[in-house]
Amino acid sequence: MRGADYSYGIYIYAFPFQQAAFELLPGGTFWLLNIAYGVVSSGAAAYLSWTFVEKRVLEQRAAVLPRLAKFIEWLRLRFGLL
């Protein structure tokens, strides 16, 4: 868990997962079970999102940012944008 940031994934996934639990799962209408379903499912989704998407994108950021800056400069010079 060192260096991992699951907070954004939990923030994004918690509400839809709690709503799905409310509608689909037995006991989902009971608030305590709904919270438990939401925490477990959004935590699992946040872990998967961090491991397979967010971490890899952040690793590529250092390589992409200079190329993006060059492209933006090209757009600005070519079309007078930005």
Protein backbone atom coordinates (compact mmCIF):
# COMPACT_ATOMS: atom_id res chain seq x y z
CA MET A 1 0.00 0.00 0.00
CA ARG A 2 3.03 2.29 0.22
CA GLY A 3 2.69 5.00 -2.40
CA ALA A 4 -0.81 3.90 -3.40
CA ASP A 5 -3.62 6.43 -3.41
CA TYR A 6 -7.01 4.77 -3.30
CA SER A 7 -8.90 7.80 -2.00
CA TYR A 8 -9.98 9.14 -5.40
CA GLY A 9 -11.19 5.72 -6.53
CA ILE A 10 -13.19 5.27 -3.35
CA TYR A 11 -14.66 8.75 -3.81
CA ILE A 12 -15.67 8.01 -7.41
CA TYR A 13 -17.01 4.49 -6.91
CA ALA A 14 -18.66 4.64 -3.48
CA PHE A 15 -21.95 6.31 -4.45
CA PRO A 16 -22.77 4.18 -7.53
CA PHE A 17 -21.83 0.99 -5.69
CA GLN A 18 -23.98 1.91 -2.69
CA GLN A 19 -26.90 2.64 -5.01
CA ALA A 20 -26.41 -0.69 -6.78
CA ALA A 21 -26.29 -2.48 -3.42
CA PHE A 22 -29.50 -0.71 -2.38
CA GLU A 23 -31.31 -1.91 -5.50
CA LEU A 24 -29.83 -5.34 -6.11
CA LEU A 25 -28.46 -7.01 -2.99
CA PRO A 26 -30.34 -8.67 -0.15
CA GLY A 27 -30.21 -6.41 2.87
CA GLY A 28 -29.01 -3.50 0.75
CA THR A 29 -31.78 -1.32 2.11
CA PHE A 30 -30.48 -1.73 5.66
CA TRP A 31 -28.06 1.16 6.18
CA LEU A 32 -25.32 -0.80 7.96
CA LEU A 33 -25.16 -3.52 5.31
CA ASN A 34 -25.30 -0.88 2.58
CA ILE A 35 -22.26 0.87 4.07
CA ALA A 36 -20.42 -2.45 4.33
CA TYR A 37 -21.22 -3.33 0.71
CA GLY A 38 -20.17 0.15 -0.40
CA VAL A 39 -16.87 0.15 1.48
CA VAL A 40 -15.84 -3.32 0.34
CA SER A 41 -16.88 -2.93 -3.31
CA SER A 42 -15.58 0.62 -3.78
CA GLY A 43 -12.34 -0.33 -2.03
CA ALA A 44 -11.86 -3.25 -4.40
CA ALA A 45 -12.65 -1.09 -7.43
CA ALA A 46 -10.29 1.63 -6.18
CA TYR A 47 -7.51 -0.93 -5.78
CA LEU A 48 -8.04 -2.24 -9.33
CA SER A 49 -8.27 1.27 -10.73
CA TRP A 50 -5.04 2.34 -9.00
CA THR A 51 -3.15 -0.83 -9.94
CA PHE A 52 -4.14 -1.10 -13.60
CA VAL A 53 -4.92 2.48 -14.69
CA GLU A 54 -3.91 5.39 -12.48
CA LYS A 55 -0.44 4.15 -11.49
CA ARG A 56 0.51 3.44 -15.10
CA VAL A 57 -0.74 6.81 -16.30
CA LEU A 58 1.22 8.62 -13.60
CA GLU A 59 4.36 6.66 -14.54
CA GLN A 60 3.98 7.85 -18.15
CA ARG A 61 3.38 11.47 -17.17
CA ALA A 62 7.08 12.43 -17.13
CA ALA A 63 7.50 11.21 -20.71
CA VAL A 64 4.28 12.74 -22.03
CA LEU A 65 4.39 16.23 -20.54
CA PRO A 66 7.37 17.55 -22.58
CA ARG A 67 5.80 16.24 -25.81
CA LEU A 68 2.48 17.81 -24.88
CA ALA A 69 4.20 21.13 -24.18
CA LYS A 70 5.87 21.01 -27.62
CA PHE A 71 2.53 20.24 -29.28
CA ILE A 72 0.80 23.12 -27.50
CA GLU A 73 3.61 25.46 -28.55
CA TRP A 74 3.26 24.24 -32.15
CA LEU A 75 -0.50 24.92 -32.04
CA ARG A 76 0.10 28.36 -30.62
CA LEU A 77 2.62 29.29 -33.28
CA ARG A 78 0.76 27.68 -36.18
CA PHE A 79 -2.76 28.86 -35.44
CA GLY A 80 -2.29 31.66 -32.93
CA LEU A 81 -4.09 29.62 -30.30
CA LEU A 82 -3.78 29.69 -26.56
